[in-house]
Amino acid sequence: MTTPPPHLHNTSGSRFSQRLGYFLGGVAIGLILLGFFMSARQRAAQQAQADQATSQRTAQPGHGADRAPQP
């Protein structure tokens, strides 16, 4: 009977659980980073929308805060 390759001797339950822990830790870190980047992109879009609304309000005549009311 032939002996199995040496790399198969290292497959124990503790080794698997250690690798699983590293994998799940990496997935958790990846999800945290994904949430961070999605939140930053959403904040940037909201800021751009607010800036656009502000510029539209100031571009319309008679709607600025610095204008005196017309009789």
N, C-alpha and C. Protein backbone atom coordinates (compact mmCIF):
# COMPACT_ATOMS: atom_id res chain seq x y z
N MET A 1 0.84 -1.18 0.00
CA MET A 1 0.00 0.00 0.00
C MET A 1 0.89 1.25 0.00
N THR A 2 0.46 2.26 -0.73
CA THR A 2 1.27 3.47 -0.83
C THR A 2 0.91 4.43 0.29
N THR A 3 1.84 5.24 0.66
CA THR A 3 1.60 6.24 1.70
C THR A 3 1.04 7.51 1.06
N PRO A 4 0.13 8.17 1.76
CA PRO A 4 -0.42 9.41 1.20
C PRO A 4 0.65 10.50 1.16
N PRO A 5 0.45 11.50 0.32
CA PRO A 5 1.41 12.61 0.25
C PRO A 5 1.53 13.31 1.61
N PRO A 6 2.68 13.92 1.87
CA PRO A 6 2.90 14.53 3.19
C PRO A 6 1.94 15.66 3.52
N HIS A 7 1.43 16.38 2.54
CA HIS A 7 0.54 17.51 2.86
C HIS A 7 -0.80 17.03 3.42
N LEU A 8 -1.17 15.76 3.20
CA LEU A 8 -2.42 15.25 3.73
C LEU A 8 -2.31 14.90 5.21
N HIS A 9 -1.12 14.78 5.74
CA HIS A 9 -0.94 14.46 7.15
C HIS A 9 -1.26 15.66 8.05
N ASN A 10 -1.27 16.86 7.50
CA ASN A 10 -1.48 18.07 8.30
C ASN A 10 -2.94 18.50 8.36
N THR A 11 -3.84 17.70 7.86
CA THR A 11 -5.26 18.08 7.87
C THR A 11 -5.92 17.59 9.14
N SER A 12 -5.85 18.38 10.17
CA SER A 12 -6.51 18.04 11.42
C SER A 12 -7.66 19.01 11.64
N GLY A 13 -8.51 18.72 12.59
CA GLY A 13 -9.65 19.58 12.87
C GLY A 13 -9.23 20.96 13.33
N SER A 14 -8.18 21.02 14.13
CA SER A 14 -7.75 22.33 14.63
C SER A 14 -7.19 23.18 13.49
N ARG A 15 -6.52 22.56 12.56
CA ARG A 15 -5.97 23.30 11.42
C ARG A 15 -7.12 23.87 10.57
N PHE A 16 -8.16 23.06 10.36
CA PHE A 16 -9.31 23.52 9.59
C PHE A 16 -10.01 24.67 10.29
N SER A 17 -10.23 24.56 11.59
CA SER A 17 -10.92 25.62 12.31
C SER A 17 -10.09 26.90 12.34
N GLN A 18 -8.76 26.75 12.37
CA GLN A 18 -7.91 27.93 12.33
C GLN A 18 -8.03 28.63 10.98
N ARG A 19 -8.02 27.87 9.91
CA ARG A 19 -8.16 28.46 8.59
C ARG A 19 -9.56 29.06 8.40
N LEU A 20 -10.55 28.39 8.93
CA LEU A 20 -11.92 28.92 8.85
C LEU A 20 -12.02 30.25 9.60
N GLY A 21 -11.38 30.33 10.75
CA GLY A 21 -11.37 31.58 11.52
C GLY A 21 -10.72 32.71 10.76
N TYR A 22 -9.58 32.42 10.11
CA TYR A 22 -8.91 33.45 9.31
C TYR A 22 -9.79 33.88 8.14
N PHE A 23 -10.44 32.91 7.50
CA PHE A 23 -11.31 33.22 6.37
C PHE A 23 -12.47 34.10 6.81
N LEU A 24 -13.13 33.71 7.89
CA LEU A 24 -14.28 34.50 8.37
C LEU A 24 -13.85 35.88 8.86
N GLY A 25 -12.67 35.97 9.45
CA GLY A 25 -12.14 37.27 9.85
C GLY A 25 -11.91 38.17 8.64
N GLY A 26 -11.37 37.59 7.57
CA GLY A 26 -11.17 38.35 6.34
C GLY A 26 -12.48 38.81 5.72
N VAL A 27 -13.47 37.93 5.76
CA VAL A 27 -14.79 38.30 5.22
C VAL A 27 -15.39 39.44 6.04
N ALA A 28 -15.25 39.38 7.35
CA ALA A 28 -15.78 40.44 8.21
C ALA A 28 -15.09 41.77 7.93
N ILE A 29 -13.78 41.75 7.80
CA ILE A 29 -13.05 42.98 7.51
C ILE A 29 -13.46 43.53 6.14
N GLY A 30 -13.63 42.65 5.16
CA GLY A 30 -14.06 43.08 3.84
C GLY A 30 -15.43 43.71 3.86
N LEU A 31 -16.35 43.14 4.64
CA LEU A 31 -17.69 43.72 4.72
C LEU A 31 -17.69 45.07 5.41
N ILE A 32 -16.84 45.22 6.42
CA ILE A 32 -16.72 46.52 7.10
C ILE A 32 -16.20 47.57 6.13
N LEU A 33 -15.17 47.22 5.36
CA LEU A 33 -14.63 48.17 4.39
C LEU A 33 -15.64 48.49 3.30
N LEU A 34 -16.38 47.49 2.85
CA LEU A 34 -17.41 47.73 1.85
C LEU A 34 -18.47 48.70 2.37
N GLY A 35 -18.90 48.52 3.61
CA GLY A 35 -19.87 49.43 4.21
C GLY A 35 -19.32 50.84 4.34
N PHE A 36 -18.04 50.94 4.69
CA PHE A 36 -17.41 52.26 4.80
C PHE A 36 -17.40 52.98 3.46
N PHE A 37 -17.00 52.27 2.40
CA PHE A 37 -16.93 52.90 1.09
C PHE A 37 -18.31 53.23 0.54
N MET A 38 -19.28 52.38 0.79
CA MET A 38 -20.64 52.67 0.33
C MET A 38 -21.20 53.89 1.07
N SER A 39 -20.92 54.00 2.36
CA SER A 39 -21.37 55.15 3.13
C SER A 39 -20.70 56.44 2.64
N ALA A 40 -19.42 56.36 2.36
CA ALA A 40 -18.70 57.55 1.87
C ALA A 40 -19.24 57.98 0.51
N ARG A 41 -19.54 57.03 -0.35
CA ARG A 41 -20.08 57.37 -1.67
C ARG A 41 -21.47 58.00 -1.54
N GLN A 42 -22.28 57.47 -0.61
CA GLN A 42 -23.62 58.03 -0.41
C GLN A 42 -23.54 59.45 0.15
N ARG A 43 -22.62 59.67 1.09
CA ARG A 43 -22.44 61.01 1.64
C ARG A 43 -21.99 61.99 0.56
N ALA A 44 -21.09 61.54 -0.33
CA ALA A 44 -20.62 62.42 -1.40
C ALA A 44 -21.76 62.75 -2.36
N ALA A 45 -22.61 61.78 -2.65
CA ALA A 45 -23.74 62.04 -3.55
C ALA A 45 -24.73 63.00 -2.91
N GLN A 46 -24.98 62.85 -1.62
CA GLN A 46 -25.89 63.77 -0.93
C GLN A 46 -25.32 65.18 -0.89
N GLN A 47 -24.02 65.29 -0.69
CA GLN A 47 -23.38 66.60 -0.66
C GLN A 47 -23.45 67.26 -2.04
N ALA A 48 -23.23 66.48 -3.09
CA ALA A 48 -23.31 67.03 -4.44
C ALA A 48 -24.73 67.47 -4.75
N GLN A 49 -25.70 66.69 -4.29
CA GLN A 49 -27.10 67.06 -4.52
C GLN A 49 -27.44 68.35 -3.77
N ALA A 50 -26.96 68.47 -2.54
CA ALA A 50 -27.20 69.68 -1.76
C ALA A 50 -26.52 70.88 -2.40
N ASP A 51 -25.30 70.71 -2.89
CA ASP A 51 -24.60 71.80 -3.55
C ASP A 51 -25.33 72.23 -4.82
N GLN A 52 -25.84 71.26 -5.56
CA GLN A 52 -26.57 71.59 -6.78
C GLN A 52 -27.86 72.34 -6.46
N ALA A 53 -28.56 71.92 -5.42
CA ALA A 53 -29.79 72.61 -5.03
C ALA A 53 -29.49 74.03 -4.56
N THR A 54 -28.40 74.21 -3.85
CA THR A 54 -28.01 75.53 -3.38
C THR A 54 -27.66 76.44 -4.56
N SER A 55 -26.93 75.90 -5.53
CA SER A 55 -26.55 76.73 -6.68
C SER A 55 -27.76 77.07 -7.53
N GLN A 56 -28.74 76.19 -7.61
CA GLN A 56 -29.96 76.49 -8.36
C GLN A 56 -30.78 77.56 -7.67
N ARG A 57 -30.81 77.53 -6.33
CA ARG A 57 -31.57 78.54 -5.60
C ARG A 57 -30.93 79.92 -5.73
N THR A 58 -29.63 79.99 -5.71
CA THR A 58 -28.96 81.28 -5.82
C THR A 58 -28.97 81.79 -7.25
N ALA A 59 -29.15 80.93 -8.23
CA ALA A 59 -29.15 81.35 -9.64
C ALA A 59 -30.50 81.93 -10.04
N GLN A 60 -31.56 81.61 -9.32
CA GLN A 60 -32.89 82.12 -9.65
C GLN A 60 -33.03 83.54 -9.12
N PRO A 61 -33.44 84.48 -9.97
CA PRO A 61 -33.57 85.87 -9.51
C PRO A 61 -34.75 86.02 -8.55
N GLY A 62 -34.51 86.83 -7.53
CA GLY A 62 -35.58 87.13 -6.58
C GLY A 62 -35.73 86.11 -5.47
N HIS A 63 -34.93 85.06 -5.45
CA HIS A 63 -35.06 84.04 -4.41
C HIS A 63 -33.88 84.04 -3.45
N GLY A 64 -32.98 84.96 -3.60
CA GLY A 64 -31.82 85.00 -2.73
C GLY A 64 -32.12 85.71 -1.42
N ALA A 65 -31.38 85.39 -0.38
CA ALA A 65 -31.59 86.00 0.93
C ALA A 65 -31.07 87.42 0.97
N ASP A 66 -30.17 87.79 0.03
CA ASP A 66 -29.57 89.11 0.05
C ASP A 66 -30.41 90.14 -0.72
N ARG A 67 -31.49 89.74 -1.32
CA ARG A 67 -32.33 90.67 -2.08
C ARG A 67 -33.43 91.23 -1.18
N ALA A 68 -33.72 92.49 -1.38
CA ALA A 68 -34.80 93.16 -0.64
C ALA A 68 -36.13 92.79 -1.31
N PRO A 69 -37.18 92.68 -0.52
CA PRO A 69 -38.49 92.35 -1.12
C PRO A 69 -38.96 93.46 -2.04
N GLN A 70 -39.53 93.11 -3.16
CA GLN A 70 -40.02 94.07 -4.13
C GLN A 70 -41.47 94.42 -3.81
N PRO A 71 -41.84 95.71 -3.85
CA PRO A 71 -43.24 96.12 -3.57
C PRO A 71 -44.19 95.81 -4.70
